[in-house]
C-alpha atoms as a PDB file:
ATOM      1  CA  MET A   1      20.531   6.450 -22.424  1.00  0.00           C
ATOM      2  CA  GLU A   2      20.846   3.736 -19.963  1.00  0.00           C
ATOM      3  CA  LYS A   3      19.021   0.304 -20.364  1.00  0.00           C
ATOM      4  CA  TYR A   4      17.711  -1.731 -17.449  1.00  0.00           C
ATOM      5  CA  ALA A   5      16.257  -5.179 -17.094  1.00  0.00           C
ATOM      6  CA  TYR A   6      15.980  -7.616 -14.467  1.00  0.00           C
ATOM      7  CA  ILE A   7      16.086 -11.946 -14.754  1.00  0.00           C
ATOM      8  CA  VAL A   8      13.239 -13.430 -12.669  1.00  0.00           C
ATOM      9  CA  LEU A   9      13.715 -16.908 -11.471  1.00  0.00           C
ATOM     10  CA  ASN A  10      11.287 -19.203 -12.356  1.00  0.00           C
ATOM     11  CA  PHE A  11      10.111 -22.864 -11.758  1.00  0.00           C
ATOM     12  CA  GLU A  12       9.555 -25.349 -14.639  1.00  0.00           C
ATOM     13  CA  LYS A  13       5.908 -25.516 -13.641  1.00  0.00           C
ATOM     14  CA  PHE A  14       5.113 -21.642 -13.474  1.00  0.00           C
ATOM     15  CA  TRP A  15       7.116 -21.324 -16.979  1.00  0.00           C
ATOM     16  CA  LYS A  16       4.714 -24.140 -18.562  1.00  0.00           C
ATOM     17  CA  ARG A  17       1.920 -21.870 -16.758  1.00  0.00           C
ATOM     18  CA  LEU A  18       3.325 -18.504 -18.716  1.00  0.00           C
ATOM     19  CA  CYS A  19       3.317 -20.118 -22.132  1.00  0.00           C
ATOM     20  CA  ASN A  20       0.055 -21.972 -21.616  1.00  0.00           C
ATOM     21  CA  GLN A  21      -1.748 -18.357 -20.957  1.00  0.00           C
ATOM     22  CA  ASN A  22       0.043 -16.395 -23.625  1.00  0.00           C
ATOM     23  CA  ARG A  23      -0.791 -19.288 -25.891  1.00  0.00           C
ATOM     24  CA  ALA A  24      -4.561 -18.507 -24.606  1.00  0.00           C
ATOM     25  CA  GLY A  25      -4.391 -14.887 -26.015  1.00  0.00           C
ATOM     26  CA  LYS A  26      -3.671 -13.474 -22.056  1.00  0.00           C
ATOM     27  CA  SER A  27      -1.175 -10.868 -22.528  1.00  0.00           C
ATOM     28  CA  ALA A  28      -0.834  -9.229 -19.225  1.00  0.00           C
ATOM     29  CA  HIS A  29       0.463 -10.785 -16.084  1.00  0.00           C
ATOM     30  CA  ALA A  30       1.051  -9.753 -12.747  1.00  0.00           C
ATOM     31  CA  PHE A  31       4.558 -11.912 -10.808  1.00  0.00           C
ATOM     32  CA  VAL A  32       4.554 -12.630  -7.302  1.00  0.00           C
ATOM     33  CA  ARG A  33       7.599 -12.327  -5.320  1.00  0.00           C
ATOM     34  CA  ARG A  34       8.563 -13.168  -1.758  1.00  0.00           C
ATOM     35  CA  GLY A  35      11.247 -11.952   0.322  1.00  0.00           C
ATOM     36  CA  VAL A  36      13.462 -10.847  -2.768  1.00  0.00           C
ATOM     37  CA  MET A  37      12.141  -7.222  -3.610  1.00  0.00           C
ATOM     38  CA  GLY A  38      11.373  -7.049  -7.569  1.00  0.00           C
ATOM     39  CA  PRO A  39      12.868  -4.009  -9.586  1.00  0.00           C
ATOM     40  CA  LYS A  40      11.374  -0.228  -9.258  1.00  0.00           C
ATOM     41  CA  LYS A  41      12.074   0.773 -12.738  1.00  0.00           C
ATOM     42  CA  ALA A  42      12.952  -1.951 -15.780  1.00  0.00           C
ATOM     43  CA  LYS A  43      12.787  -1.964 -19.273  1.00  0.00           C
ATOM     44  CA  GLN A  44      12.628  -5.702 -19.751  1.00  0.00           C
ATOM     45  CA  LEU A  45      12.069  -9.181 -17.557  1.00  0.00           C
ATOM     46  CA  PHE A  46      14.242 -12.100 -18.621  1.00  0.00           C
ATOM     47  CA  PHE A  47      13.047 -15.229 -17.266  1.00  0.00           C
ATOM     48  CA  TYR A  48      15.403 -17.578 -16.379  1.00  0.00           C
ATOM     49  CA  VAL A  49      14.481 -21.547 -15.488  1.00  0.00           C
ATOM     50  CA  THR A  50      15.882 -22.849 -12.906  1.00  0.00           C
ATOM     51  CA  HIS A  51      15.537 -26.593 -12.950  1.00  0.00           C
ATOM     52  CA  PRO A  52      15.978 -28.737 -15.002  1.00  0.00           C
ATOM     53  CA  HIS A  53      16.687 -26.006 -18.045  1.00  0.00           C
ATOM     54  CA  LYS A  54      18.932 -23.367 -16.456  1.00  0.00           C
ATOM     55  CA  GLU A  55      18.822 -21.046 -18.831  1.00  0.00           C
ATOM     56  CA  ILE A  56      16.572 -18.086 -19.885  1.00  0.00           C
ATOM     57  CA  LYS A  57      13.776 -19.204 -21.826  1.00  0.00           C
ATOM     58  CA  GLY A  58      11.924 -15.902 -22.673  1.00  0.00           C
ATOM     59  CA  TYR A  59      11.484 -12.068 -22.172  1.00  0.00           C
ATOM     60  CA  ALA A  60       8.601  -9.955 -20.995  1.00  0.00           C
ATOM     61  CA  ASP A  61       8.185  -5.704 -21.200  1.00  0.00           C
ATOM     62  CA  PHE A  62       8.234  -4.469 -17.566  1.00  0.00           C
ATOM     63  CA  VAL A  63       5.321  -2.555 -16.883  1.00  0.00           C
ATOM     64  CA  GLU A  64       5.481  -1.384 -13.089  1.00  0.00           C
ATOM     65  CA  ARG A  65       5.848  -2.789  -9.723  1.00  0.00           C
ATOM     66  CA  VAL A  66       2.677  -3.217  -7.023  1.00  0.00           C
ATOM     67  CA  SER A  67       3.191  -3.749  -3.406  1.00  0.00           C
ATOM     68  CA  GLY A  68       1.124  -3.835  -0.665  1.00  0.00           C
ATOM     69  CA  ASN A  69      -1.416  -5.631   1.669  1.00  0.00           C
ATOM     70  CA  ALA A  70      -1.493  -9.077   0.171  1.00  0.00           C
ATOM     71  CA  LYS A  71      -5.149 -10.167   0.119  1.00  0.00           C
ATOM     72  CA  ASP A  72      -5.855  -6.483  -1.434  1.00  0.00           C
ATOM     73  CA  LEU A  73      -3.236  -7.633  -4.460  1.00  0.00           C
ATOM     74  CA  TRP A  74      -4.893 -10.813  -4.748  1.00  0.00           C
ATOM     75  CA  GLU A  75      -8.115  -9.476  -5.308  1.00  0.00           C
ATOM     76  CA  SER A  76      -7.071  -7.033  -7.752  1.00  0.00           C
ATOM     77  CA  LEU A  77      -4.344  -8.741  -9.754  1.00  0.00           C
ATOM     78  CA  GLY A  78      -4.782 -11.998  -8.707  1.00  0.00           C
ATOM     79  CA  HIS A  79      -6.605 -12.999 -12.002  1.00  0.00           C
ATOM     80  CA  GLU A  80      -3.345 -11.942 -13.943  1.00  0.00           C
ATOM     81  CA  SER A  81      -0.937 -14.117 -11.806  1.00  0.00           C
ATOM     82  CA  LEU A  82       0.596 -17.958 -12.552  1.00  0.00           C
ATOM     83  CA  LEU A  83      -1.389 -19.206  -9.329  1.00  0.00           C
ATOM     84  CA  ASN A  84      -4.414 -20.582  -9.674  1.00  0.00           C
ATOM     85  CA  SER A  85      -6.149 -19.850  -6.247  1.00  0.00           C
ATOM     86  CA  TYR A  86      -5.870 -17.536  -3.211  1.00  0.00           C
ATOM     87  CA  ASP A  87      -4.697 -20.822  -1.237  1.00  0.00           C
ATOM     88  CA  GLU A  88      -1.841 -21.270  -3.864  1.00  0.00           C
ATOM     89  CA  TYR A  89      -1.026 -17.815  -3.701  1.00  0.00           C
ATOM     90  CA  ASN A  90      -0.833 -17.636   0.259  1.00  0.00           C
ATOM     91  CA  SER A  91       1.357 -20.900  -0.007  1.00  0.00           C
ATOM     92  CA  PHE A  92       3.806 -19.386  -2.229  1.00  0.00           C
ATOM     93  CA  LEU A  93       4.065 -16.045   0.359  1.00  0.00           C
ATOM     94  CA  GLN A  94       4.808 -18.628   3.212  1.00  0.00           C
END
């Protein structure tokens, strides 16, 4: 049986937001990728915090990859993201 995993590079500020959301009881998250395509199939996501830790800090179950129009994606999944507003989302994508 093949096993699939994907490493998500993450800035410390987004890692901290994820941890805060988990502590608040939020268990589903949407991750926004720019440029590099995320996985189509995976079982686990590993979160590598790039600076200053430079190590894998956690993991999550992979559910699905969704792609499409940025505005439509924000309206349907923005509440699950680590970004605080549509403006921050647009800035991140630029």
